[in-house]
């Protein structure tokens, strides 16, 4: 795997907003844009979405970037078959650096460059 400087950070799922196809972020956007697909994974209400997303973010889950080089703050995709693709955006916010959920979609095939994996939690905390 090529060497990339991918910062570690927590993953946050905001309430967000859904403005239309490919327009929005957070749990509202995921739910409104993908209700039918999410139902296939046991998500029958918006309240089920956070649990579904949390199941994708596990140690060893691959992290891909759609660009050949990690320059700037590009969005990354975390995939864990067979539950779909999770798109994250790295951001510096008031609470510090983290990755924020933009959207989820059912496509399971990895695209882009493998840039890392979700690390195991630090057992010293």
C-alpha atoms as a PDB file:
ATOM      1  CA  UNK A   1       0.000   0.000   0.000  1.00  0.00           C
ATOM      2  CA  UNK A   2       1.399   3.434  -0.877  1.00  0.00           C
ATOM      3  CA  UNK A   3       2.320   5.711   2.030  1.00  0.00           C
ATOM      4  CA  UNK A   4      -0.233   8.468   2.663  1.00  0.00           C
ATOM      5  CA  UNK A   5      -0.385  10.962   5.482  1.00  0.00           C
ATOM      6  CA  UNK A   6      -3.941  10.237   6.587  1.00  0.00           C
ATOM      7  CA  UNK A   7      -4.659  11.874   9.925  1.00  0.00           C
ATOM      8  CA  UNK A   8      -6.407   9.903  12.598  1.00  0.00           C
ATOM      9  CA  UNK A   9      -9.574  11.318  14.059  1.00  0.00           C
ATOM     10  CA  UNK A  10     -13.004  10.583  15.407  1.00  0.00           C
ATOM     11  CA  UNK A  11     -15.986  10.141  13.094  1.00  0.00           C
ATOM     12  CA  UNK A  12     -19.051  12.313  13.642  1.00  0.00           C
ATOM     13  CA  UNK A  13     -22.583  11.909  12.291  1.00  0.00           C
ATOM     14  CA  UNK A  14     -24.412  15.225  12.350  1.00  0.00           C
ATOM     15  CA  UNK A  15     -28.136  15.732  11.970  1.00  0.00           C
ATOM     16  CA  UNK A  16     -27.389  17.544   8.701  1.00  0.00           C
ATOM     17  CA  UNK A  17     -29.746  18.499   5.900  1.00  0.00           C
ATOM     18  CA  UNK A  18     -31.087  16.962   2.695  1.00  0.00           C
ATOM     19  CA  UNK A  19     -31.430  19.412  -0.203  1.00  0.00           C
ATOM     20  CA  UNK A  20     -31.835  16.891  -3.007  1.00  0.00           C
ATOM     21  CA  UNK A  21     -29.912  14.293  -4.976  1.00  0.00           C
ATOM     22  CA  UNK A  22     -26.197  14.632  -4.204  1.00  0.00           C
ATOM     23  CA  UNK A  23     -26.937  17.734  -2.109  1.00  0.00           C
ATOM     24  CA  UNK A  24     -26.711  17.490   1.643  1.00  0.00           C
ATOM     25  CA  UNK A  25     -24.946  15.755   4.503  1.00  0.00           C
ATOM     26  CA  UNK A  26     -25.544  13.912   7.741  1.00  0.00           C
ATOM     27  CA  UNK A  27     -28.228  11.569   8.961  1.00  0.00           C
ATOM     28  CA  UNK A  28     -31.114  13.491   7.357  1.00  0.00           C
ATOM     29  CA  UNK A  29     -29.426  13.364   3.964  1.00  0.00           C
ATOM     30  CA  UNK A  30     -28.573   9.662   4.276  1.00  0.00           C
ATOM     31  CA  UNK A  31     -32.146   8.815   5.286  1.00  0.00           C
ATOM     32  CA  UNK A  32     -33.975  10.965   2.725  1.00  0.00           C
ATOM     33  CA  UNK A  33     -31.726   9.980  -0.178  1.00  0.00           C
ATOM     34  CA  UNK A  34     -31.526   6.242   0.558  1.00  0.00           C
ATOM     35  CA  UNK A  35     -34.632   5.081   2.493  1.00  0.00           C
ATOM     36  CA  UNK A  36     -35.409   2.207   0.134  1.00  0.00           C
ATOM     37  CA  UNK A  37     -31.832   0.914   0.112  1.00  0.00           C
ATOM     38  CA  UNK A  38     -31.450   1.298   3.874  1.00  0.00           C
ATOM     39  CA  UNK A  39     -34.576  -0.797   4.464  1.00  0.00           C
ATOM     40  CA  UNK A  40     -32.727  -3.737   2.865  1.00  0.00           C
ATOM     41  CA  UNK A  41     -30.196  -3.427   5.703  1.00  0.00           C
ATOM     42  CA  UNK A  42     -32.785  -3.259   8.485  1.00  0.00           C
ATOM     43  CA  UNK A  43     -33.047   0.529   8.724  1.00  0.00           C
ATOM     44  CA  UNK A  44     -36.761   1.284   8.900  1.00  0.00           C
ATOM     45  CA  UNK A  45     -36.604   4.682  10.611  1.00  0.00           C
ATOM     46  CA  UNK A  46     -34.130   7.543  10.625  1.00  0.00           C
ATOM     47  CA  UNK A  47     -33.148   6.426  14.139  1.00  0.00           C
ATOM     48  CA  UNK A  48     -31.703   3.178  12.700  1.00  0.00           C
ATOM     49  CA  UNK A  49     -29.209   5.000  10.458  1.00  0.00           C
ATOM     50  CA  UNK A  50     -26.633   5.778  13.168  1.00  0.00           C
ATOM     51  CA  UNK A  51     -26.450   2.110  14.184  1.00  0.00           C
ATOM     52  CA  UNK A  52     -26.016   1.038  10.569  1.00  0.00           C
ATOM     53  CA  UNK A  53     -23.191   3.532  10.062  1.00  0.00           C
ATOM     54  CA  UNK A  54     -21.506   2.559  13.337  1.00  0.00           C
ATOM     55  CA  UNK A  55     -21.404  -1.071  12.171  1.00  0.00           C
ATOM     56  CA  UNK A  56     -19.363   0.035   9.147  1.00  0.00           C
ATOM     57  CA  UNK A  57     -16.697   1.812  11.192  1.00  0.00           C
ATOM     58  CA  UNK A  58     -14.815  -1.154  12.616  1.00  0.00           C
ATOM     59  CA  UNK A  59     -11.107  -1.867  13.050  1.00  0.00           C
ATOM     60  CA  UNK A  60      -9.618  -3.037   9.782  1.00  0.00           C
ATOM     61  CA  UNK A  61     -12.302  -1.474   7.555  1.00  0.00           C
ATOM     62  CA  UNK A  62     -10.569  -0.179   4.411  1.00  0.00           C
ATOM     63  CA  UNK A  63     -10.326   3.546   3.685  1.00  0.00           C
ATOM     64  CA  UNK A  64     -10.203   4.672   0.061  1.00  0.00           C
ATOM     65  CA  UNK A  65      -9.686   8.027  -1.609  1.00  0.00           C
ATOM     66  CA  UNK A  66     -10.930   8.701  -5.122  1.00  0.00           C
ATOM     67  CA  UNK A  67      -7.767  10.643  -5.953  1.00  0.00           C
ATOM     68  CA  UNK A  68      -4.346   9.214  -6.732  1.00  0.00           C
ATOM     69  CA  UNK A  69      -2.682  11.557  -4.239  1.00  0.00           C
ATOM     70  CA  UNK A  70      -3.867  12.716  -0.842  1.00  0.00           C
ATOM     71  CA  UNK A  71      -3.308  16.451  -1.278  1.00  0.00           C
ATOM     72  CA  UNK A  72      -5.582  18.751   0.640  1.00  0.00           C
ATOM     73  CA  UNK A  73      -8.688  17.656   2.503  1.00  0.00           C
ATOM     74  CA  UNK A  74     -10.264  15.251   0.039  1.00  0.00           C
ATOM     75  CA  UNK A  75     -13.287  13.207   0.960  1.00  0.00           C
ATOM     76  CA  UNK A  76     -12.561   9.605   1.768  1.00  0.00           C
ATOM     77  CA  UNK A  77     -14.748   6.532   1.520  1.00  0.00           C
ATOM     78  CA  UNK A  78     -14.836   3.868   4.210  1.00  0.00           C
ATOM     79  CA  UNK A  79     -16.177   0.579   2.968  1.00  0.00           C
ATOM     80  CA  UNK A  80     -17.136  -2.564   4.775  1.00  0.00           C
ATOM     81  CA  UNK A  81     -18.797  -5.109   2.565  1.00  0.00           C
ATOM     82  CA  UNK A  82     -21.634  -5.909   2.330  1.00  0.00           C
ATOM     83  CA  UNK A  83     -23.082  -2.807   3.996  1.00  0.00           C
ATOM     84  CA  UNK A  84     -22.236  -0.172   1.390  1.00  0.00           C
ATOM     85  CA  UNK A  85     -20.026   2.894   1.164  1.00  0.00           C
ATOM     86  CA  UNK A  86     -19.677   5.675   3.689  1.00  0.00           C
ATOM     87  CA  UNK A  87     -18.365   9.040   2.490  1.00  0.00           C
ATOM     88  CA  UNK A  88     -16.507  11.136   5.060  1.00  0.00           C
ATOM     89  CA  UNK A  89     -15.100  14.641   4.918  1.00  0.00           C
ATOM     90  CA  UNK A  90     -12.070  15.640   7.014  1.00  0.00           C
ATOM     91  CA  UNK A  91     -12.701  18.935   8.832  1.00  0.00           C
ATOM     92  CA  UNK A  92     -11.238  21.143  11.523  1.00  0.00           C
ATOM     93  CA  UNK A  93     -14.112  22.198  13.749  1.00  0.00           C
ATOM     94  CA  UNK A  94     -14.407  23.848  17.171  1.00  0.00           C
ATOM     95  CA  UNK A  95     -13.861  20.539  18.924  1.00  0.00           C
ATOM     96  CA  UNK A  96     -10.808  19.822  16.774  1.00  0.00           C
ATOM     97  CA  UNK A  97     -10.073  17.638  13.786  1.00  0.00           C
ATOM     98  CA  UNK A  98     -12.420  14.845  12.782  1.00  0.00           C
ATOM     99  CA  UNK A  99     -14.179  13.102   9.927  1.00  0.00           C
ATOM    100  CA  UNK A 100     -17.809  14.002   9.276  1.00  0.00           C
ATOM    101  CA  UNK A 101     -20.325  11.759   7.520  1.00  0.00           C
ATOM    102  CA  UNK A 102     -21.457  13.261   4.241  1.00  0.00           C
ATOM    103  CA  UNK A 103     -23.483  10.329   2.934  1.00  0.00           C
ATOM    104  CA  UNK A 104     -23.917   6.582   2.620  1.00  0.00           C
ATOM    105  CA  UNK A 105     -24.844   4.612  -0.454  1.00  0.00           C
ATOM    106  CA  UNK A 106     -25.361   0.916  -1.182  1.00  0.00           C
ATOM    107  CA  UNK A 107     -22.512   0.543  -3.674  1.00  0.00           C
ATOM    108  CA  UNK A 108     -20.082  -1.951  -2.185  1.00  0.00           C
ATOM    109  CA  UNK A 109     -17.302  -2.096  -4.757  1.00  0.00           C
ATOM    110  CA  UNK A 110     -14.201  -0.200  -3.767  1.00  0.00           C
ATOM    111  CA  UNK A 111     -13.033   2.571  -6.075  1.00  0.00           C
ATOM    112  CA  UNK A 112     -10.011   4.794  -5.818  1.00  0.00           C
ATOM    113  CA  UNK A 113      -6.772   4.303  -3.952  1.00  0.00           C
ATOM    114  CA  UNK A 114      -6.563   2.327  -0.727  1.00  0.00           C
ATOM    115  CA  UNK A 115      -5.041   4.811   1.737  1.00  0.00           C
ATOM    116  CA  UNK A 116      -5.420   3.013   5.049  1.00  0.00           C
ATOM    117  CA  UNK A 117      -7.655   1.091   7.405  1.00  0.00           C
ATOM    118  CA  UNK A 118      -9.645   1.973  10.505  1.00  0.00           C
ATOM    119  CA  UNK A 119      -7.245   1.580  13.438  1.00  0.00           C
ATOM    120  CA  UNK A 120      -7.938  -0.450  16.534  1.00  0.00           C
ATOM    121  CA  UNK A 121      -8.959   1.683  19.530  1.00  0.00           C
ATOM    122  CA  UNK A 122      -6.140   2.669  21.858  1.00  0.00           C
ATOM    123  CA  UNK A 123      -6.569   0.356  24.849  1.00  0.00           C
ATOM    124  CA  UNK A 124      -4.662   2.792  27.089  1.00  0.00           C
ATOM    125  CA  UNK A 125      -7.582   5.252  27.167  1.00  0.00           C
END
